[in-house]
């Protein structure tokens, strides 16, 4: 059974960004100029993050995306290859690689502004298709396909005509449903609205409050967050959670066990700076899970 699952890879279609970190003591007020404590550029982007995480968890992973013709593209390729991601379908286009401005505060929380760059420069290739034919074949054979909406919607729709699991955070869930999501009960009600719209499962990422998986006609599964000794940077934690949950499901774990595995992966992620640089490997996740058994 395990060999059969591994024969069906995980495919990520999405964004790759150069994350420009600006470390601040606090966010600037309107019209105010602040001096940053530090600044650096690290590899990231939701699609690249999820692909790197899945590959570091030792699951066969392909990334379908685009980078520009610049030094940031080289940084991203190197980071993904080092993580073990297959880059057969990573395309290079004219113009700059996508990038993001990450404003990081001392408590690890952040605010992010993205600039699409190559992520938004998808062009029609054959007929009405934007995705390479070879990539389409790999997607059809995939065990799971991950999308993030940092690339044009028509590319996402071409890759997958419907979704099985919708995985927003609380803020995104509130925006999707026009409902409050501050309490667990409110999150459940908002998730149920998504289920009523036809989604099969809703996986809500709730930060320090953990996560929740809702399915039609079933009680929601709640997973507490697994605390980290120190939170350095929350960038990429949601992507880590999503990728780790997907890997666990593809490996045959039950949903509750997959949620716990994903929580452990996210706990490792927030302990270091950067998105892709902080993605955990299998050993690190297993160590967290082992420790949790004795707490």
Protein backbone atom coordinates (compact mmCIF):
# COMPACT_ATOMS: atom_id res chain seq x y z
CA UNK A 1 0.00 0.00 0.00
CA UNK A 2 2.82 2.40 0.92
CA UNK A 3 4.63 1.79 -2.38
CA UNK A 4 1.40 2.45 -4.27
CA UNK A 5 0.91 5.77 -2.48
CA UNK A 6 4.50 6.84 -3.11
CA UNK A 7 4.07 6.08 -6.81
CA UNK A 8 1.52 8.93 -6.90
CA UNK A 9 3.47 12.15 -6.21
CA UNK A 10 2.32 15.37 -4.63
CA UNK A 11 2.16 18.22 -7.14
CA UNK A 12 2.20 21.89 -6.19
CA UNK A 13 1.10 24.48 -8.73
CA UNK A 14 1.80 27.94 -7.38
CA UNK A 15 4.04 30.84 -6.53
CA UNK A 16 7.74 31.25 -5.87
CA UNK A 17 8.90 34.47 -4.20
CA UNK A 18 12.03 36.10 -2.92
CA UNK A 19 11.00 37.14 0.60
CA UNK A 20 12.61 40.44 1.58
CA UNK A 21 12.68 40.48 5.37
CA UNK A 22 12.57 43.76 7.27
CA UNK A 23 12.90 43.31 11.04
CA UNK A 24 11.08 46.03 12.99
CA UNK A 25 10.53 46.78 16.67
CA UNK A 26 7.00 47.83 15.72
CA UNK A 27 4.96 48.59 12.62
CA UNK A 28 5.33 52.16 11.29
CA UNK A 29 2.45 54.58 11.63
CA UNK A 30 0.99 56.36 8.60
CA UNK A 31 3.56 58.77 7.21
CA UNK A 32 6.29 57.53 9.56
CA UNK A 33 9.75 56.32 8.54
CA UNK A 34 11.40 53.69 10.74
CA UNK A 35 14.89 52.24 10.72
CA UNK A 36 14.89 48.43 10.54
CA UNK A 37 16.96 46.35 12.93
CA UNK A 38 17.97 44.01 10.13
CA UNK A 39 17.06 42.97 6.60
CA UNK A 40 17.75 40.03 4.29
CA UNK A 41 16.30 38.16 1.33
CA UNK A 42 15.26 34.50 1.71
CA UNK A 43 13.44 32.01 -0.57
CA UNK A 44 9.67 31.67 -0.15
CA UNK A 45 6.28 31.99 -1.84
CA UNK A 46 3.31 29.85 -0.82
CA UNK A 47 3.71 27.35 -3.62
CA UNK A 48 7.45 26.96 -3.19
CA UNK A 49 7.01 26.73 0.60
CA UNK A 50 4.53 23.88 0.34
CA UNK A 51 6.64 22.01 -2.20
CA UNK A 52 9.80 22.38 -0.10
CA UNK A 53 8.01 21.19 3.03
CA UNK A 54 6.52 18.11 1.38
CA UNK A 55 9.88 17.16 -0.16
CA UNK A 56 11.72 17.63 3.14
CA UNK A 57 9.20 15.27 4.69
CA UNK A 58 10.52 12.71 2.18
CA UNK A 59 7.48 12.64 -0.10
CA UNK A 60 7.96 12.74 -3.93
CA UNK A 61 7.04 16.30 -4.89
CA UNK A 62 6.86 18.26 -8.15
CA UNK A 63 6.62 22.06 -8.35
CA UNK A 64 4.89 23.76 -11.30
CA UNK A 65 5.61 27.47 -11.31
CA UNK A 66 7.51 30.38 -12.81
CA UNK A 67 10.54 32.50 -11.95
CA UNK A 68 12.14 35.44 -13.73
CA UNK A 69 15.58 36.01 -15.18
CA UNK A 70 17.39 37.32 -12.13
CA UNK A 71 19.46 36.35 -9.12
CA UNK A 72 16.35 35.64 -7.06
CA UNK A 73 15.43 32.88 -9.50
CA UNK A 74 18.78 31.19 -8.87
CA UNK A 75 18.25 31.43 -5.10
CA UNK A 76 14.81 29.82 -5.38
CA UNK A 77 15.95 27.03 -7.69
CA UNK A 78 18.82 26.20 -5.37
CA UNK A 79 16.55 26.19 -2.29
CA UNK A 80 13.96 23.94 -3.91
CA UNK A 81 16.53 21.52 -5.33
CA UNK A 82 18.30 21.30 -1.98
CA UNK A 83 14.94 20.45 -0.38
CA UNK A 84 14.47 17.60 -2.87
CA UNK A 85 11.73 19.13 -5.04
CA UNK A 86 11.47 18.01 -8.68
CA UNK A 87 11.73 21.12 -10.88
CA UNK A 88 10.90 19.56 -14.24
CA UNK A 89 8.10 22.11 -14.73
CA UNK A 90 9.62 25.26 -13.23
CA UNK A 91 9.52 27.75 -16.10
CA UNK A 92 11.70 30.84 -16.61
CA UNK A 93 10.01 33.95 -18.06
CA UNK A 94 11.15 37.45 -18.91
CA UNK A 95 11.02 40.00 -16.12
CA UNK A 96 11.58 39.76 -12.39
CA UNK A 97 10.90 36.86 -10.06
CA UNK A 98 7.97 37.43 -7.71
CA UNK A 99 8.87 38.87 -4.35
CA UNK A 100 7.36 39.75 -1.01
CA UNK A 101 8.06 42.36 1.64
CA UNK A 102 7.89 40.65 5.03
CA UNK A 103 7.69 43.05 7.98
CA UNK A 104 8.73 40.96 10.96
CA UNK A 105 8.13 42.02 14.56
CA UNK A 106 10.00 40.76 17.68
CA UNK A 107 7.12 38.45 18.68
CA UNK A 108 7.45 36.56 15.40
CA UNK A 109 4.26 37.98 13.90
CA UNK A 110 4.43 39.51 10.45
CA UNK A 111 2.67 41.53 7.79
CA UNK A 112 3.37 40.71 4.16
CA UNK A 113 2.94 42.51 0.84
CA UNK A 114 3.50 40.47 -2.34
CA UNK A 115 4.56 41.62 -5.81
CA UNK A 116 3.49 39.03 -8.40
CA UNK A 117 6.29 39.30 -10.96
CA UNK A 118 6.76 36.00 -12.80
CA UNK A 119 3.95 34.42 -10.75
CA UNK A 120 1.41 36.48 -12.69
CA UNK A 121 3.05 36.18 -16.13
CA UNK A 122 1.54 32.84 -17.22
CA UNK A 123 0.88 32.70 -20.98
CA UNK A 124 -1.19 30.41 -23.19
CA UNK A 125 1.00 27.66 -24.64
CA UNK A 126 -1.02 25.24 -26.75
CA UNK A 127 -4.60 26.09 -27.63
CA UNK A 128 -6.17 27.44 -24.45
CA UNK A 129 -3.69 25.78 -22.07
CA UNK A 130 -1.25 27.64 -19.81
CA UNK A 131 0.17 24.53 -18.12
CA UNK A 132 2.75 22.45 -20.06
CA UNK A 133 1.39 19.18 -21.44
CA UNK A 134 3.93 17.12 -19.50
CA UNK A 135 2.95 18.86 -16.27
CA UNK A 136 -0.73 18.18 -16.96
CA UNK A 137 0.05 14.46 -17.22
CA UNK A 138 1.91 14.52 -13.89
CA UNK A 139 -1.02 16.37 -12.29
CA UNK A 140 -3.44 13.69 -13.52
CA UNK A 141 -1.29 10.99 -11.90
CA UNK A 142 -0.79 12.90 -8.64
CA UNK A 143 -1.96 11.69 -5.27
CA UNK A 144 -2.76 15.29 -4.35
CA UNK A 145 -2.60 18.74 -5.93
CA UNK A 146 -1.95 21.86 -3.83
CA UNK A 147 -3.01 25.36 -4.97
CA UNK A 148 -2.67 28.68 -3.12
CA UNK A 149 -4.12 31.52 -5.26
CA UNK A 150 -0.91 33.54 -5.60
CA UNK A 151 -0.98 32.85 -9.35
CA UNK A 152 -3.79 33.72 -11.81
CA UNK A 153 -7.12 32.05 -11.02
CA UNK A 154 -7.47 30.68 -14.55
CA UNK A 155 -4.26 28.65 -14.05
CA UNK A 156 -5.61 27.22 -10.80
CA UNK A 157 -8.93 26.37 -12.47
CA UNK A 158 -7.12 24.68 -15.35
CA UNK A 159 -5.08 22.61 -12.90
CA UNK A 160 -8.12 21.50 -10.86
CA UNK A 161 -11.78 21.94 -11.83
CA UNK A 162 -12.92 21.36 -8.24
CA UNK A 163 -11.40 21.13 -4.78
CA UNK A 164 -11.63 18.44 -2.13
CA UNK A 165 -10.21 20.37 0.83
CA UNK A 166 -10.48 24.12 1.31
CA UNK A 167 -7.81 25.27 3.78
CA UNK A 168 -8.14 28.94 4.82
CA UNK A 169 -6.89 30.61 7.94
CA UNK A 170 -9.41 32.35 10.19
CA UNK A 171 -9.08 35.71 8.42
CA UNK A 172 -9.55 34.15 5.00
CA UNK A 173 -12.52 32.12 6.24
CA UNK A 174 -14.17 35.27 7.56
CA UNK A 175 -13.64 37.02 4.23
CA UNK A 176 -14.98 34.06 2.24
CA UNK A 177 -18.15 33.69 4.31
CA UNK A 178 -18.74 37.25 5.62
CA UNK A 179 -19.06 35.65 9.05
CA UNK A 180 -17.13 36.17 12.32
CA UNK A 181 -14.41 33.62 13.11
CA UNK A 182 -13.06 34.69 16.50
CA UNK A 183 -14.35 31.76 18.56
CA UNK A 184 -14.39 28.03 17.90
CA UNK A 185 -18.17 28.06 17.55
CA UNK A 186 -17.96 30.88 15.00
CA UNK A 187 -15.27 29.02 13.04
CA UNK A 188 -17.47 25.90 12.97
CA UNK A 189 -20.45 27.88 11.68
CA UNK A 190 -18.37 29.58 8.98
CA UNK A 191 -16.83 26.26 7.94
CA UNK A 192 -20.31 24.73 7.70
CA UNK A 193 -21.29 27.52 5.31
CA UNK A 194 -18.41 26.46 3.05
CA UNK A 195 -19.59 22.85 3.28
CA UNK A 196 -23.05 24.00 2.24
CA UNK A 197 -21.46 25.56 -0.84
CA UNK A 198 -20.25 22.13 -1.92
CA UNK A 199 -16.75 21.84 -0.45
CA UNK A 200 -16.12 18.31 0.88
CA UNK A 201 -13.77 19.30 3.71
CA UNK A 202 -12.70 22.56 5.34
CA UNK A 203 -9.34 22.66 7.10
CA UNK A 204 -9.03 25.87 9.10
CA UNK A 205 -5.62 27.05 10.30
CA UNK A 206 -6.04 29.02 13.54
CA UNK A 207 -2.50 29.97 14.53
CA UNK A 208 -1.91 29.66 18.27
CA UNK A 209 -5.40 28.22 18.64
CA UNK A 210 -4.54 25.21 16.52
CA UNK A 211 -6.64 23.90 13.66
CA UNK A 212 -10.02 22.41 12.82
CA UNK A 213 -11.13 19.94 10.15
CA UNK A 214 -14.82 20.01 9.23
CA UNK A 215 -16.65 17.46 7.08
CA UNK A 216 -20.31 17.27 6.16
CA UNK A 217 -22.42 15.19 8.58
CA UNK A 218 -19.44 14.65 10.92
CA UNK A 219 -18.31 16.34 14.12
CA UNK A 220 -15.38 18.70 13.54
CA UNK A 221 -11.93 17.53 14.61
CA UNK A 222 -10.04 20.04 16.75
CA UNK A 223 -6.24 19.98 17.03
CA UNK A 224 -4.48 22.24 19.55
CA UNK A 225 -1.32 24.01 18.45
CA UNK A 226 1.89 22.40 19.65
CA UNK A 227 3.84 25.19 21.40
CA UNK A 228 7.35 26.05 20.28
CA UNK A 229 10.01 26.92 22.90
CA UNK A 230 10.31 30.32 21.19
CA UNK A 231 8.46 31.79 18.20
CA UNK A 232 10.98 33.43 15.87
CA UNK A 233 8.97 33.84 12.66
CA UNK A 234 5.50 32.63 11.70
CA UNK A 235 6.09 33.11 7.96
CA UNK A 236 5.41 29.83 6.17
CA UNK A 237 3.79 28.13 9.16
CA UNK A 238 0.43 27.82 7.40
CA UNK A 239 2.10 26.45 4.26
CA UNK A 240 4.02 23.96 6.39
CA UNK A 241 0.81 22.84 8.07
CA UNK A 242 -1.02 22.38 4.77
CA UNK A 243 1.81 20.45 3.13
CA UNK A 244 2.43 18.24 6.17
CA UNK A 245 -1.27 17.43 6.51
CA UNK A 246 -1.41 16.47 2.83
CA UNK A 247 1.68 14.26 3.10
CA UNK A 248 0.23 12.51 6.16
CA UNK A 249 -3.09 11.82 4.39
CA UNK A 250 -1.27 10.50 1.30
CA UNK A 251 0.70 8.17 3.56
CA UNK A 252 -2.54 6.72 4.87
CA UNK A 253 -2.83 8.43 8.25
CA UNK A 254 -6.28 9.06 9.71
CA UNK A 255 -7.39 12.74 9.71
CA UNK A 256 -6.85 13.25 13.46
CA UNK A 257 -3.34 11.80 13.22
CA UNK A 258 -2.62 13.89 10.13
CA UNK A 259 -3.68 17.04 11.99
CA UNK A 260 -1.30 16.21 14.84
CA UNK A 261 1.54 15.55 12.38
CA UNK A 262 0.86 18.90 10.70
CA UNK A 263 0.77 20.71 14.05
CA UNK A 264 4.18 19.28 14.92
CA UNK A 265 5.59 20.38 11.55
CA UNK A 266 4.25 23.93 12.03
CA UNK A 267 5.73 24.00 15.54
CA UNK A 268 9.18 23.31 14.08
CA UNK A 269 8.70 25.91 11.33
CA UNK A 270 8.12 28.91 13.64
CA UNK A 271 11.38 28.30 15.52
CA UNK A 272 13.58 29.72 12.74
CA UNK A 273 13.59 32.73 10.43
CA UNK A 274 12.48 32.46 6.83
CA UNK A 275 9.88 30.35 5.05
CA UNK A 276 11.75 27.67 3.10
CA UNK A 277 14.81 27.79 5.41
CA UNK A 278 12.57 26.91 8.37
CA UNK A 279 10.73 24.00 6.73
CA UNK A 280 11.15 20.87 8.88
CA UNK A 281 12.49 17.49 7.86
CA UNK A 282 10.91 14.20 8.94
CA UNK A 283 13.33 13.68 11.84
CA UNK A 284 12.52 17.07 13.39
CA UNK A 285 8.77 16.42 13.20
CA UNK A 286 9.12 12.94 14.68
CA UNK A 287 11.15 14.38 17.58
CA UNK A 288 8.35 16.86 18.40
CA UNK A 289 5.73 14.11 18.26
CA UNK A 290 7.83 11.88 20.47
CA UNK A 291 8.21 14.65 23.04
CA UNK A 292 4.46 15.35 22.98
CA UNK A 293 3.76 11.75 23.95
CA UNK A 294 5.46 12.30 27.29
CA UNK A 295 4.15 15.76 28.13
